[in-house]
PDB file of all heavy atoms in Angstrom:
ATOM      1  N   LEU A   1     -48.277 -17.874 -44.091  1.00  0.00           N
ATOM      2  CA  LEU A   1     -48.079 -18.100 -42.654  1.00  0.00           C
ATOM      3  C   LEU A   1     -49.106 -19.068 -42.146  1.00  0.00           C
ATOM      4  O   LEU A   1     -48.797 -19.981 -41.331  1.00  0.00           O
ATOM      5  CB  LEU A   1     -48.216 -16.765 -41.926  1.00  0.00           C
ATOM      6  CG  LEU A   1     -48.092 -16.827 -40.377  1.00  0.00           C
ATOM      7  CD1 LEU A   1     -46.769 -17.518 -39.965  1.00  0.00           C
ATOM      8  CD2 LEU A   1     -48.185 -15.451 -39.748  1.00  0.00           C
ATOM      9  N   GLN A   2     -50.352 -18.952 -42.571  1.00  0.00           N
ATOM     10  CA  GLN A   2     -51.388 -19.918 -42.144  1.00  0.00           C
ATOM     11  C   GLN A   2     -51.094 -21.304 -42.686  1.00  0.00           C
ATOM     12  O   GLN A   2     -51.396 -22.324 -42.057  1.00  0.00           O
ATOM     13  CB  GLN A   2     -52.753 -19.454 -42.612  1.00  0.00           C
ATOM     14  CG  GLN A   2     -53.242 -18.199 -41.896  1.00  0.00           C
ATOM     15  CD  GLN A   2     -54.400 -17.533 -42.599  1.00  0.00           C
ATOM     16  OE1 GLN A   2     -54.808 -17.894 -43.690  1.00  0.00           O
ATOM     17  NE2 GLN A   2     -54.979 -16.524 -41.947  1.00  0.00           N
ATOM     18  N   LEU A   3     -50.428 -21.407 -43.865  1.00  0.00           N
ATOM     19  CA  LEU A   3     -50.078 -22.696 -44.434  1.00  0.00           C
ATOM     20  C   LEU A   3     -49.099 -23.374 -43.520  1.00  0.00           C
ATOM     21  O   LEU A   3     -49.109 -24.624 -43.369  1.00  0.00           O
ATOM     22  CB  LEU A   3     -49.484 -22.509 -45.840  1.00  0.00           C
ATOM     23  CG  LEU A   3     -49.073 -23.763 -46.552  1.00  0.00           C
ATOM     24  CD1 LEU A   3     -50.194 -24.742 -46.779  1.00  0.00           C
ATOM     25  CD2 LEU A   3     -48.382 -23.422 -47.910  1.00  0.00           C
ATOM     26  N   ALA A   4     -48.180 -22.626 -42.882  1.00  0.00           N
ATOM     27  CA  ALA A   4     -47.252 -23.228 -41.946  1.00  0.00           C
ATOM     28  C   ALA A   4     -48.017 -23.901 -40.802  1.00  0.00           C
ATOM     29  O   ALA A   4     -47.671 -25.023 -40.376  1.00  0.00           O
ATOM     30  CB  ALA A   4     -46.341 -22.154 -41.393  1.00  0.00           C
ATOM     31  N   GLN A   5     -49.072 -23.240 -40.308  1.00  0.00           N
ATOM     32  CA  GLN A   5     -49.851 -23.833 -39.232  1.00  0.00           C
ATOM     33  C   GLN A   5     -50.631 -25.057 -39.708  1.00  0.00           C
ATOM     34  O   GLN A   5     -50.793 -26.001 -38.971  1.00  0.00           O
ATOM     35  CB  GLN A   5     -50.814 -22.780 -38.702  1.00  0.00           C
ATOM     36  CG  GLN A   5     -50.083 -21.557 -38.081  1.00  0.00           C
ATOM     37  CD  GLN A   5     -51.031 -20.421 -37.755  1.00  0.00           C
ATOM     38  OE1 GLN A   5     -51.774 -19.905 -38.629  1.00  0.00           O
ATOM     39  NE2 GLN A   5     -51.038 -19.996 -36.535  1.00  0.00           N
ATOM     40  N   VAL A   6     -51.086 -25.031 -40.972  1.00  0.00           N
ATOM     41  CA  VAL A   6     -51.773 -26.169 -41.533  1.00  0.00           C
ATOM     42  C   VAL A   6     -50.823 -27.382 -41.576  1.00  0.00           C
ATOM     43  O   VAL A   6     -51.202 -28.490 -41.220  1.00  0.00           O
ATOM     44  CB  VAL A   6     -52.261 -25.844 -42.960  1.00  0.00           C
ATOM     45  CG1 VAL A   6     -52.743 -27.098 -43.700  1.00  0.00           C
ATOM     46  CG2 VAL A   6     -53.478 -24.861 -42.857  1.00  0.00           C
ATOM     47  N   MET A   7     -49.622 -27.150 -42.062  1.00  0.00           N
ATOM     48  CA  MET A   7     -48.671 -28.263 -42.168  1.00  0.00           C
ATOM     49  C   MET A   7     -48.331 -28.834 -40.825  1.00  0.00           C
ATOM     50  O   MET A   7     -48.113 -30.030 -40.669  1.00  0.00           O
ATOM     51  CB  MET A   7     -47.390 -27.756 -42.899  1.00  0.00           C
ATOM     52  CG  MET A   7     -47.613 -27.401 -44.368  1.00  0.00           C
ATOM     53  SD  MET A   7     -48.219 -28.782 -45.385  1.00  0.00           S
ATOM     54  CE  MET A   7     -46.759 -29.844 -45.434  1.00  0.00           C
ATOM     55  N   LEU A   8     -48.235 -27.987 -39.800  1.00  0.00           N
ATOM     56  CA  LEU A   8     -47.981 -28.429 -38.452  1.00  0.00           C
ATOM     57  C   LEU A   8     -49.121 -29.338 -37.985  1.00  0.00           C
ATOM     58  O   LEU A   8     -48.899 -30.407 -37.392  1.00  0.00           O
ATOM     59  CB  LEU A   8     -47.827 -27.245 -37.529  1.00  0.00           C
ATOM     60  CG  LEU A   8     -47.248 -27.491 -36.122  1.00  0.00           C
ATOM     61  CD1 LEU A   8     -45.869 -28.105 -36.186  1.00  0.00           C
ATOM     62  CD2 LEU A   8     -47.217 -26.173 -35.338  1.00  0.00           C
ATOM     63  N   LYS A   9     -50.355 -28.949 -38.274  1.00  0.00           N
ATOM     64  CA  LYS A   9     -51.524 -29.734 -37.896  1.00  0.00           C
ATOM     65  C   LYS A   9     -51.580 -31.072 -38.617  1.00  0.00           C
ATOM     66  O   LYS A   9     -52.044 -32.079 -38.057  1.00  0.00           O
ATOM     67  CB  LYS A   9     -52.806 -28.943 -38.205  1.00  0.00           C
ATOM     68  CG  LYS A   9     -53.156 -27.860 -37.223  1.00  0.00           C
ATOM     69  CD  LYS A   9     -54.037 -28.457 -36.090  1.00  0.00           C
ATOM     70  CE  LYS A   9     -54.606 -27.355 -35.231  1.00  0.00           C
ATOM     71  NZ  LYS A   9     -55.498 -27.938 -34.154  1.00  0.00           N
ATOM     72  N   LEU A  10     -51.050 -31.114 -39.803  1.00  0.00           N
ATOM     73  CA  LEU A  10     -51.037 -32.367 -40.616  1.00  0.00           C
ATOM     74  C   LEU A  10     -49.924 -33.337 -40.187  1.00  0.00           C
ATOM     75  O   LEU A  10     -49.823 -34.461 -40.676  1.00  0.00           O
ATOM     76  CB  LEU A  10     -50.888 -32.064 -42.093  1.00  0.00           C
ATOM     77  CG  LEU A  10     -52.090 -31.379 -42.748  1.00  0.00           C
ATOM     78  CD1 LEU A  10     -51.758 -30.928 -44.195  1.00  0.00           C
ATOM     79  CD2 LEU A  10     -53.328 -32.338 -42.758  1.00  0.00           C
ATOM     80  N   GLY A  11     -49.063 -32.867 -39.246  1.00  0.00           N
ATOM     81  CA  GLY A  11     -48.052 -33.769 -38.724  1.00  0.00           C
ATOM     82  C   GLY A  11     -46.635 -33.530 -39.217  1.00  0.00           C
ATOM     83  O   GLY A  11     -45.748 -34.303 -38.917  1.00  0.00           O
ATOM     84  N   ALA A  12     -46.377 -32.482 -39.991  1.00  0.00           N
ATOM     85  CA  ALA A  12     -45.082 -32.199 -40.542  1.00  0.00           C
ATOM     86  C   ALA A  12     -44.169 -31.612 -39.458  1.00  0.00           C
ATOM     87  O   ALA A  12     -44.674 -30.807 -38.586  1.00  0.00           O
ATOM     88  CB  ALA A  12     -45.157 -31.248 -41.733  1.00  0.00           C
ATOM     89  N   VAL A  13     -42.912 -31.948 -39.437  1.00  0.00           N
ATOM     90  CA  VAL A  13     -41.950 -31.329 -38.550  1.00  0.00           C
ATOM     91  C   VAL A  13     -41.041 -30.382 -39.345  1.00  0.00           C
ATOM     92  O   VAL A  13     -40.435 -29.455 -38.766  1.00  0.00           O
ATOM     93  CB  VAL A  13     -41.076 -32.369 -37.796  1.00  0.00           C
ATOM     94  CG1 VAL A  13     -41.926 -33.106 -36.796  1.00  0.00           C
ATOM     95  CG2 VAL A  13     -40.400 -33.348 -38.744  1.00  0.00           C
ATOM     96  N   HIS A  14     -40.893 -30.649 -40.628  1.00  0.00           N
ATOM     97  CA  HIS A  14     -40.190 -29.741 -41.531  1.00  0.00           C
ATOM     98  C   HIS A  14     -41.114 -29.517 -42.715  1.00  0.00           C
ATOM     99  O   HIS A  14     -41.726 -30.465 -43.221  1.00  0.00           O
ATOM    100  CB  HIS A  14     -38.854 -30.276 -41.995  1.00  0.00           C
ATOM    101  CG  HIS A  14     -37.841 -30.570 -40.929  1.00  0.00           C
ATOM    102  ND1 HIS A  14     -37.118 -29.588 -40.335  1.00  0.00           N
ATOM    103  CD2 HIS A  14     -37.552 -31.713 -40.290  1.00  0.00           C
ATOM    104  CE1 HIS A  14     -36.354 -30.095 -39.395  1.00  0.00           C
ATOM    105  NE2 HIS A  14     -36.602 -31.411 -39.351  1.00  0.00           N
ATOM    106  N   ALA A  15     -41.198 -28.289 -43.208  1.00  0.00           N
ATOM    107  CA  ALA A  15     -42.099 -28.025 -44.394  1.00  0.00           C
ATOM    108  C   ALA A  15     -41.661 -26.778 -45.122  1.00  0.00           C
ATOM    109  O   ALA A  15     -40.997 -25.889 -44.513  1.00  0.00           O
ATOM    110  CB  ALA A  15     -43.526 -27.881 -43.931  1.00  0.00           C
ATOM    111  N   MET A  16     -41.918 -26.721 -46.377  1.00  0.00           N
ATOM    112  CA  MET A  16     -41.606 -25.553 -47.177  1.00  0.00           C
ATOM    113  C   MET A  16     -42.740 -25.282 -48.154  1.00  0.00           C
ATOM    114  O   MET A  16     -43.444 -26.212 -48.594  1.00  0.00           O
ATOM    115  CB  MET A  16     -40.292 -25.653 -47.898  1.00  0.00           C
ATOM    116  CG  MET A  16     -40.219 -26.699 -49.016  1.00  0.00           C
ATOM    117  SD  MET A  16     -38.651 -26.669 -49.901  1.00  0.00           S
ATOM    118  CE  MET A  16     -38.904 -25.295 -50.987  1.00  0.00           C
ATOM    119  N   ASN A  17     -42.902 -23.993 -48.501  1.00  0.00           N
ATOM    120  CA  ASN A  17     -43.918 -23.554 -49.442  1.00  0.00           C
ATOM    121  C   ASN A  17     -43.394 -23.742 -50.866  1.00  0.00           C
ATOM    122  O   ASN A  17     -42.224 -23.478 -51.158  1.00  0.00           O
ATOM    123  CB  ASN A  17     -44.178 -22.077 -49.188  1.00  0.00           C
ATOM    124  CG  ASN A  17     -45.243 -21.511 -50.054  1.00  0.00           C
ATOM    125  OD1 ASN A  17     -46.319 -22.118 -50.190  1.00  0.00           O
ATOM    126  ND2 ASN A  17     -44.983 -20.400 -50.694  1.00  0.00           N
ATOM    127  N   LEU A  18     -44.286 -24.188 -51.780  1.00  0.00           N
ATOM    128  CA  LEU A  18     -43.995 -24.327 -53.176  1.00  0.00           C
ATOM    129  C   LEU A  18     -44.785 -23.248 -53.965  1.00  0.00           C
ATOM    130  O   LEU A  18     -45.415 -22.426 -53.301  1.00  0.00           O
ATOM    131  CB  LEU A  18     -44.317 -25.723 -53.665  1.00  0.00           C
ATOM    132  CG  LEU A  18     -43.650 -26.901 -52.977  1.00  0.00           C
ATOM    133  CD1 LEU A  18     -44.270 -28.237 -53.420  1.00  0.00           C
ATOM    134  CD2 LEU A  18     -42.142 -26.864 -53.290  1.00  0.00           C
ATOM    135  N   ASP A  19     -44.632 -23.234 -55.252  1.00  0.00           N
ATOM    136  CA  ASP A  19     -45.449 -22.302 -56.011  1.00  0.00           C
ATOM    137  C   ASP A  19     -46.912 -22.593 -55.786  1.00  0.00           C
ATOM    138  O   ASP A  19     -47.287 -23.739 -55.418  1.00  0.00           O
ATOM    139  CB  ASP A  19     -45.076 -22.422 -57.500  1.00  0.00           C
ATOM    140  CG  ASP A  19     -45.496 -21.214 -58.299  1.00  0.00           C
ATOM    141  OD1 ASP A  19     -46.053 -20.222 -57.688  1.00  0.00           O
ATOM    142  OD2 ASP A  19     -45.280 -21.216 -59.517  1.00  0.00           O
ATOM    143  N   GLY A  20     -47.762 -21.584 -55.937  1.00  0.00           N
ATOM    144  CA  GLY A  20     -49.177 -21.775 -55.649  1.00  0.00           C
ATOM    145  C   GLY A  20     -50.061 -21.109 -56.680  1.00  0.00           C
ATOM    146  O   GLY A  20     -49.616 -20.865 -57.823  1.00  0.00           O
ATOM    147  N   GLY A  21     -51.274 -20.855 -56.301  1.00  0.00           N
ATOM    148  CA  GLY A  21     -52.238 -20.215 -57.265  1.00  0.00           C
ATOM    149  C   GLY A  21     -52.517 -21.106 -58.453  1.00  0.00           C
ATOM    150  O   GLY A  21     -52.763 -22.301 -58.303  1.00  0.00           O
ATOM    151  N   ALA A  22     -52.368 -20.567 -59.632  1.00  0.00           N
ATOM    152  CA  ALA A  22     -52.639 -21.356 -60.847  1.00  0.00           C
ATOM    153  C   ALA A  22     -51.600 -22.442 -61.056  1.00  0.00           C
ATOM    154  O   ALA A  22     -51.801 -23.318 -61.894  1.00  0.00           O
ATOM    155  CB  ALA A  22     -52.663 -20.396 -62.043  1.00  0.00           C
ATOM    156  N   SER A  23     -50.454 -22.382 -60.360  1.00  0.00           N
ATOM    157  CA  SER A  23     -49.447 -23.414 -60.487  1.00  0.00           C
ATOM    158  C   SER A  23     -49.705 -24.633 -59.609  1.00  0.00           C
ATOM    159  O   SER A  23     -49.080 -25.695 -59.858  1.00  0.00           O
ATOM    160  CB  SER A  23     -48.058 -22.829 -60.092  1.00  0.00           C
ATOM    161  OG  SER A  23     -47.622 -21.862 -61.031  1.00  0.00           O
ATOM    162  N   SER A  24     -50.553 -24.546 -58.626  1.00  0.00           N
ATOM    163  CA  SER A  24     -50.785 -25.638 -57.704  1.00  0.00           C
ATOM    164  C   SER A  24     -51.318 -26.862 -58.442  1.00  0.00           C
ATOM    165  O   SER A  24     -52.345 -26.797 -59.125  1.00  0.00           O
ATOM    166  CB  SER A  24     -51.747 -25.235 -56.609  1.00  0.00           C
ATOM    167  OG  SER A  24     -51.115 -24.439 -55.648  1.00  0.00           O
ATOM    168  N   GLY A  25     -50.636 -27.956 -58.286  1.00  0.00           N
ATOM    169  CA  GLY A  25     -51.022 -29.246 -58.910  1.00  0.00           C
ATOM    170  C   GLY A  25     -50.660 -30.396 -58.055  1.00  0.00           C
ATOM    171  O   GLY A  25     -49.565 -30.431 -57.429  1.00  0.00           O
ATOM    172  N   LEU A  26     -51.530 -31.380 -57.916  1.00  0.00           N
ATOM    173  CA  LEU A  26     -51.285 -32.551 -57.063  1.00  0.00           C
ATOM    174  C   LEU A  26     -51.924 -33.755 -57.728  1.00  0.00           C
ATOM    175  O   LEU A  26     -53.071 -33.757 -58.159  1.00  0.00           O
ATOM    176  CB  LEU A  26     -51.889 -32.324 -55.658  1.00  0.00           C
ATOM    177  CG  LEU A  26     -51.617 -33.415 -54.628  1.00  0.00           C
ATOM    178  CD1 LEU A  26     -50.149 -33.525 -54.322  1.00  0.00           C
ATOM    179  CD2 LEU A  26     -52.393 -33.123 -53.328  1.00  0.00           C
ATOM    180  N   PHE A  27     -51.108 -34.868 -57.779  1.00  0.00           N
ATOM    181  CA  PHE A  27     -51.513 -36.083 -58.490  1.00  0.00           C
ATOM    182  C   PHE A  27     -51.210 -37.258 -57.628  1.00  0.00           C
ATOM    183  O   PHE A  27     -50.162 -37.294 -56.954  1.00  0.00           O
ATOM    184  CB  PHE A  27     -50.741 -36.172 -59.818  1.00  0.00           C
ATOM    185  CG  PHE A  27     -50.900 -37.470 -60.539  1.00  0.00           C
ATOM    186  CD1 PHE A  27     -51.974 -37.688 -61.391  1.00  0.00           C
ATOM    187  CD2 PHE A  27     -49.947 -38.494 -60.407  1.00  0.00           C
ATOM    188  CE1 PHE A  27     -52.117 -38.909 -62.083  1.00  0.00           C
ATOM    189  CE2 PHE A  27     -50.094 -39.665 -61.081  1.00  0.00           C
ATOM    190  CZ  PHE A  27     -51.174 -39.886 -61.925  1.00  0.00           C
ATOM    191  N   CYS A  28     -52.084 -38.264 -57.691  1.00  0.00           N
ATOM    192  CA  CYS A  28     -51.839 -39.504 -56.918  1.00  0.00           C
ATOM    193  C   CYS A  28     -52.538 -40.695 -57.545  1.00  0.00           C
ATOM    194  O   CYS A  28     -53.753 -40.656 -57.755  1.00  0.00           O
ATOM    195  CB  CYS A  28     -52.317 -39.332 -55.448  1.00  0.00           C
ATOM    196  SG  CYS A  28     -51.973 -40.785 -54.425  1.00  0.00           S
ATOM    197  N   SER A  29     -51.761 -41.711 -57.859  1.00  0.00           N
ATOM    198  CA  SER A  29     -52.270 -43.014 -58.337  1.00  0.00           C
ATOM    199  C   SER A  29     -53.323 -42.901 -59.423  1.00  0.00           C
ATOM    200  O   SER A  29     -54.421 -43.466 -59.347  1.00  0.00           O
ATOM    201  CB  SER A  29     -52.857 -43.781 -57.112  1.00  0.00           C
ATOM    202  OG  SER A  29     -51.881 -43.965 -56.126  1.00  0.00           O
ATOM    203  N   GLY A  30     -52.978 -42.152 -60.445  1.00  0.00           N
ATOM    204  CA  GLY A  30     -53.874 -41.989 -61.609  1.00  0.00           C
ATOM    205  C   GLY A  30     -54.906 -40.938 -61.503  1.00  0.00           C
ATOM    206  O   GLY A  30     -55.642 -40.719 -62.486  1.00  0.00           O
ATOM    207  N   SER A  31     -55.011 -40.207 -60.399  1.00  0.00           N
ATOM    208  CA  SER A  31     -56.017 -39.202 -60.236  1.00  0.00           C
ATOM    209  C   SER A  31     -55.386 -37.833 -60.058  1.00  0.00           C
ATOM    210  O   SER A  31     -54.471 -37.668 -59.242  1.00  0.00           O
ATOM    211  CB  SER A  31     -56.948 -39.510 -59.042  1.00  0.00           C
ATOM    212  OG  SER A  31     -57.649 -40.707 -59.196  1.00  0.00           O
ATOM    213  N   MET A  32     -55.931 -36.834 -60.772  1.00  0.00           N
ATOM    214  CA  MET A  32     -55.474 -35.464 -60.603  1.00  0.00           C
ATOM    215  C   MET A  32     -56.290 -34.824 -59.508  1.00  0.00           C
ATOM    216  O   MET A  32     -57.464 -34.538 -59.660  1.00  0.00           O
ATOM    217  CB  MET A  32     -55.620 -34.673 -61.889  1.00  0.00           C
ATOM    218  CG  MET A  32     -54.944 -33.309 -61.876  1.00  0.00           C
ATOM    219  SD  MET A  32     -53.142 -33.419 -61.897  1.00  0.00           S
ATOM    220  CE  MET A  32     -52.844 -33.814 -63.659  1.00  0.00           C
ATOM    221  N   LEU A  33     -55.693 -34.668 -58.309  1.00  0.00           N
ATOM    222  CA  LEU A  33     -56.408 -34.136 -57.141  1.00  0.00           C
ATOM    223  C   LEU A  33     -56.550 -32.633 -57.190  1.00  0.00           C
ATOM    224  O   LEU A  33     -57.548 -32.097 -56.729  1.00  0.00           O
ATOM    225  CB  LEU A  33     -55.680 -34.556 -55.862  1.00  0.00           C
ATOM    226  CG  LEU A  33     -55.401 -36.047 -55.723  1.00  0.00           C
ATOM    227  CD1 LEU A  33     -54.679 -36.345 -54.382  1.00  0.00           C
ATOM    228  CD2 LEU A  33     -56.677 -36.867 -55.803  1.00  0.00           C
TER     229      LEU A  33
END
């Protein structure tokens, strides 16, 4: 529920939750964030 508020603050108008915890992974331009 707090993630929904975070996404709103980041400027999203539509958003959905993905898997999390140990599954969370994010990559951009050669870097594992």
